[in-house]
N, C-alpha and C. Protein backbone atom coordinates (compact mmCIF):
# COMPACT_ATOMS: atom_id res chain seq x y z
N THR A 1 21.50 -98.61 126.22
CA THR A 1 21.19 -99.59 125.19
C THR A 1 19.71 -99.53 124.88
N PHE A 2 19.37 -99.88 123.66
CA PHE A 2 17.99 -99.90 123.21
C PHE A 2 17.79 -101.17 122.41
N GLY A 3 17.00 -102.09 122.93
CA GLY A 3 16.78 -103.35 122.23
C GLY A 3 18.05 -104.18 122.11
N GLY A 4 18.94 -104.08 123.10
CA GLY A 4 20.18 -104.84 123.05
C GLY A 4 21.28 -104.18 122.23
N ARG A 5 20.98 -103.06 121.62
CA ARG A 5 21.98 -102.33 120.82
C ARG A 5 22.43 -101.08 121.55
N ALA A 6 23.69 -100.74 121.39
CA ALA A 6 24.20 -99.50 121.98
C ALA A 6 23.68 -98.32 121.17
N VAL A 7 23.15 -97.35 121.86
CA VAL A 7 22.64 -96.14 121.21
C VAL A 7 23.74 -95.09 121.26
N PRO A 8 24.10 -94.52 120.12
CA PRO A 8 25.15 -93.49 120.13
C PRO A 8 24.67 -92.25 120.89
N PRO A 9 25.61 -91.57 121.55
CA PRO A 9 25.22 -90.37 122.29
C PRO A 9 24.76 -89.27 121.35
N THR A 10 23.84 -88.47 121.84
CA THR A 10 23.36 -87.34 121.04
C THR A 10 23.58 -86.05 121.81
N GLY A 11 23.73 -84.98 121.11
CA GLY A 11 23.94 -83.68 121.71
C GLY A 11 25.36 -83.51 122.21
N ALA A 12 25.73 -82.27 122.42
CA ALA A 12 27.10 -81.96 122.84
C ALA A 12 27.41 -82.55 124.21
N ALA A 13 26.49 -82.43 125.16
CA ALA A 13 26.73 -82.95 126.51
C ALA A 13 26.85 -84.47 126.49
N GLY A 14 26.01 -85.15 125.72
CA GLY A 14 26.05 -86.61 125.63
C GLY A 14 27.35 -87.10 125.01
N ILE A 15 27.80 -86.43 123.99
CA ILE A 15 29.05 -86.80 123.33
C ILE A 15 30.24 -86.53 124.25
N LEU A 16 30.22 -85.41 124.96
CA LEU A 16 31.28 -85.09 125.90
C LEU A 16 31.36 -86.15 127.01
N ARG A 17 30.20 -86.55 127.55
CA ARG A 17 30.18 -87.61 128.58
C ARG A 17 30.73 -88.92 128.03
N HIS A 18 30.34 -89.25 126.80
CA HIS A 18 30.80 -90.50 126.18
C HIS A 18 32.32 -90.50 126.00
N VAL A 19 32.86 -89.42 125.51
CA VAL A 19 34.31 -89.32 125.31
C VAL A 19 35.02 -89.38 126.65
N PHE A 20 34.51 -88.68 127.65
CA PHE A 20 35.13 -88.68 128.96
C PHE A 20 35.12 -90.08 129.58
N ARG A 21 34.02 -90.80 129.43
CA ARG A 21 33.91 -92.15 129.99
C ARG A 21 34.82 -93.15 129.26
N THR A 22 34.91 -93.03 127.95
CA THR A 22 35.66 -94.03 127.18
C THR A 22 37.14 -93.71 127.05
N GLU A 23 37.50 -92.42 127.01
CA GLU A 23 38.91 -92.05 126.77
C GLU A 23 39.52 -91.22 127.89
N GLY A 24 38.73 -90.77 128.84
CA GLY A 24 39.23 -89.95 129.93
C GLY A 24 39.47 -88.51 129.51
N VAL A 25 40.15 -87.79 130.37
CA VAL A 25 40.41 -86.37 130.13
C VAL A 25 41.25 -86.17 128.87
N ALA A 26 42.19 -87.06 128.61
CA ALA A 26 43.05 -86.94 127.43
C ALA A 26 42.23 -86.98 126.13
N GLY A 27 41.14 -87.72 126.12
CA GLY A 27 40.30 -87.81 124.94
C GLY A 27 39.63 -86.50 124.59
N ILE A 28 39.35 -85.70 125.61
CA ILE A 28 38.70 -84.40 125.38
C ILE A 28 39.65 -83.45 124.67
N TYR A 29 40.95 -83.56 124.97
CA TYR A 29 41.94 -82.67 124.39
C TYR A 29 42.74 -83.31 123.27
N SER A 30 42.30 -84.45 122.76
CA SER A 30 43.10 -85.18 121.78
C SER A 30 43.31 -84.42 120.47
N GLY A 31 42.44 -83.55 120.10
CA GLY A 31 42.59 -82.81 118.85
C GLY A 31 43.24 -81.45 119.02
N LEU A 32 43.66 -81.12 120.23
CA LEU A 32 44.20 -79.79 120.48
C LEU A 32 45.56 -79.55 119.82
N SER A 33 46.44 -80.52 119.88
CA SER A 33 47.78 -80.34 119.30
C SER A 33 47.75 -80.05 117.80
N PRO A 34 47.01 -80.83 116.99
CA PRO A 34 46.95 -80.50 115.57
C PRO A 34 46.31 -79.14 115.29
N THR A 35 45.33 -78.79 116.11
CA THR A 35 44.68 -77.49 115.93
C THR A 35 45.66 -76.36 116.20
N LEU A 36 46.42 -76.47 117.27
CA LEU A 36 47.42 -75.44 117.59
C LEU A 36 48.55 -75.43 116.57
N ALA A 37 48.91 -76.59 116.06
CA ALA A 37 49.97 -76.67 115.05
C ALA A 37 49.58 -75.92 113.79
N MET A 38 48.30 -75.77 113.53
CA MET A 38 47.86 -75.02 112.37
C MET A 38 47.53 -73.57 112.73
N ALA A 39 46.93 -73.35 113.88
CA ALA A 39 46.46 -72.01 114.25
C ALA A 39 47.61 -71.05 114.55
N ILE A 40 48.64 -71.54 115.20
CA ILE A 40 49.74 -70.64 115.57
C ILE A 40 50.47 -70.10 114.35
N PRO A 41 50.91 -70.93 113.40
CA PRO A 41 51.55 -70.36 112.21
C PRO A 41 50.61 -69.45 111.41
N SER A 42 49.35 -69.82 111.36
CA SER A 42 48.39 -69.02 110.61
C SER A 42 48.27 -67.62 111.20
N ASN A 43 48.18 -67.53 112.51
CA ASN A 43 48.05 -66.22 113.15
C ASN A 43 49.34 -65.42 113.09
N VAL A 44 50.47 -66.08 113.20
CA VAL A 44 51.75 -65.38 113.06
C VAL A 44 51.87 -64.77 111.66
N LEU A 45 51.55 -65.57 110.66
CA LEU A 45 51.60 -65.07 109.27
C LEU A 45 50.59 -63.95 109.05
N TYR A 46 49.39 -64.10 109.63
CA TYR A 46 48.36 -63.07 109.46
C TYR A 46 48.84 -61.73 110.01
N PHE A 47 49.32 -61.72 111.26
CA PHE A 47 49.72 -60.45 111.86
C PHE A 47 50.94 -59.85 111.17
N ALA A 48 51.87 -60.69 110.76
CA ALA A 48 53.04 -60.17 110.03
C ALA A 48 52.62 -59.57 108.70
N ALA A 49 51.75 -60.26 107.97
CA ALA A 49 51.28 -59.75 106.68
C ALA A 49 50.45 -58.49 106.87
N TYR A 50 49.62 -58.46 107.92
CA TYR A 50 48.80 -57.28 108.18
C TYR A 50 49.68 -56.06 108.45
N ASP A 51 50.71 -56.23 109.26
CA ASP A 51 51.61 -55.11 109.55
C ASP A 51 52.30 -54.61 108.29
N GLU A 52 52.81 -55.53 107.49
CA GLU A 52 53.51 -55.13 106.26
C GLU A 52 52.58 -54.47 105.27
N LEU A 53 51.39 -55.07 105.08
CA LEU A 53 50.43 -54.50 104.13
C LEU A 53 49.92 -53.15 104.61
N SER A 54 49.70 -53.01 105.92
CA SER A 54 49.24 -51.72 106.46
C SER A 54 50.27 -50.63 106.19
N ALA A 55 51.54 -50.95 106.43
CA ALA A 55 52.59 -49.95 106.20
C ALA A 55 52.66 -49.59 104.72
N LEU A 56 52.57 -50.59 103.87
CA LEU A 56 52.62 -50.34 102.43
C LEU A 56 51.44 -49.49 101.96
N LEU A 57 50.26 -49.82 102.45
CA LEU A 57 49.06 -49.08 102.04
C LEU A 57 49.08 -47.65 102.57
N ARG A 58 49.54 -47.47 103.80
CA ARG A 58 49.62 -46.11 104.34
C ARG A 58 50.62 -45.28 103.54
N ALA A 59 51.73 -45.90 103.15
CA ALA A 59 52.74 -45.19 102.36
C ALA A 59 52.20 -44.78 101.00
N ARG A 60 51.24 -45.55 100.51
CA ARG A 60 50.64 -45.23 99.21
C ARG A 60 49.38 -44.39 99.31
N GLY A 61 49.06 -43.96 100.54
CA GLY A 61 47.94 -43.04 100.74
C GLY A 61 46.57 -43.67 100.81
N ALA A 62 46.45 -44.89 101.33
CA ALA A 62 45.14 -45.54 101.42
C ALA A 62 44.27 -44.94 102.51
N GLY A 63 44.87 -44.28 103.47
CA GLY A 63 44.13 -43.58 104.52
C GLY A 63 43.26 -44.50 105.36
N ASP A 64 41.98 -44.10 105.50
CA ASP A 64 41.06 -44.85 106.35
C ASP A 64 40.71 -46.23 105.80
N ALA A 65 40.98 -46.48 104.55
CA ALA A 65 40.68 -47.78 103.94
C ALA A 65 41.76 -48.82 104.24
N THR A 66 42.84 -48.40 104.89
CA THR A 66 43.95 -49.32 105.15
C THR A 66 43.53 -50.60 105.86
N PRO A 67 42.81 -50.54 107.01
CA PRO A 67 42.42 -51.78 107.67
C PRO A 67 41.47 -52.63 106.82
N LEU A 68 40.61 -51.97 106.08
CA LEU A 68 39.64 -52.67 105.23
C LEU A 68 40.34 -53.44 104.11
N LEU A 69 41.45 -52.94 103.64
CA LEU A 69 42.20 -53.61 102.58
C LEU A 69 43.25 -54.58 103.12
N ALA A 70 43.94 -54.19 104.18
CA ALA A 70 45.03 -55.01 104.71
C ALA A 70 44.52 -56.26 105.41
N GLY A 71 43.42 -56.17 106.14
CA GLY A 71 42.89 -57.31 106.89
C GLY A 71 42.53 -58.50 106.02
N PRO A 72 41.65 -58.32 105.05
CA PRO A 72 41.29 -59.45 104.20
C PRO A 72 42.46 -59.98 103.38
N ALA A 73 43.31 -59.09 102.89
CA ALA A 73 44.45 -59.54 102.09
C ALA A 73 45.41 -60.37 102.95
N ALA A 74 45.64 -59.94 104.19
CA ALA A 74 46.52 -60.69 105.08
C ALA A 74 45.92 -62.05 105.42
N ARG A 75 44.61 -62.11 105.61
CA ARG A 75 43.96 -63.40 105.92
C ARG A 75 44.05 -64.35 104.74
N VAL A 76 43.89 -63.84 103.54
CA VAL A 76 44.00 -64.69 102.35
C VAL A 76 45.42 -65.25 102.23
N LEU A 77 46.41 -64.41 102.45
CA LEU A 77 47.80 -64.87 102.38
C LEU A 77 48.09 -65.92 103.45
N ALA A 78 47.65 -65.68 104.67
CA ALA A 78 47.90 -66.63 105.76
C ALA A 78 47.17 -67.95 105.52
N SER A 79 45.94 -67.86 105.05
CA SER A 79 45.16 -69.09 104.78
C SER A 79 45.76 -69.88 103.64
N ALA A 80 46.19 -69.20 102.60
CA ALA A 80 46.79 -69.90 101.46
C ALA A 80 48.10 -70.60 101.87
N ALA A 81 48.83 -69.98 102.77
CA ALA A 81 50.10 -70.57 103.19
C ALA A 81 49.92 -71.73 104.15
N THR A 82 48.89 -71.70 104.97
CA THR A 82 48.73 -72.73 106.00
C THR A 82 47.66 -73.76 105.69
N SER A 83 46.85 -73.57 104.67
CA SER A 83 45.79 -74.54 104.39
C SER A 83 46.32 -75.95 104.09
N PRO A 84 47.51 -76.12 103.50
CA PRO A 84 48.02 -77.49 103.34
C PRO A 84 48.22 -78.22 104.67
N LEU A 85 48.40 -77.50 105.76
CA LEU A 85 48.55 -78.14 107.07
C LEU A 85 47.28 -78.88 107.48
N GLU A 86 46.13 -78.46 106.97
CA GLU A 86 44.88 -79.14 107.30
C GLU A 86 44.81 -80.53 106.69
N LEU A 87 45.57 -80.76 105.66
CA LEU A 87 45.52 -82.06 104.96
C LEU A 87 46.47 -83.08 105.56
N VAL A 88 47.38 -82.63 106.40
CA VAL A 88 48.37 -83.54 106.99
C VAL A 88 47.76 -84.34 108.12
């Protein structure tokens, strides 16, 4: 406290201590479920799209440029499909 007022914690360590003291161990992991609910489908879609796009590009003769083209395109597709999950 400072002048009778509670001072908010500063820095990562201070915030971590505050959360641990006020909410316990569960408070530290409270945001993990929503994060995994978004990250898992996003990565599944990314790898599936990357495999499909890589095969398609190789069949069309993209050669060494295949990873350079398939990677970003797969990430855009996965992000576009899963970004609405961030709003829920």
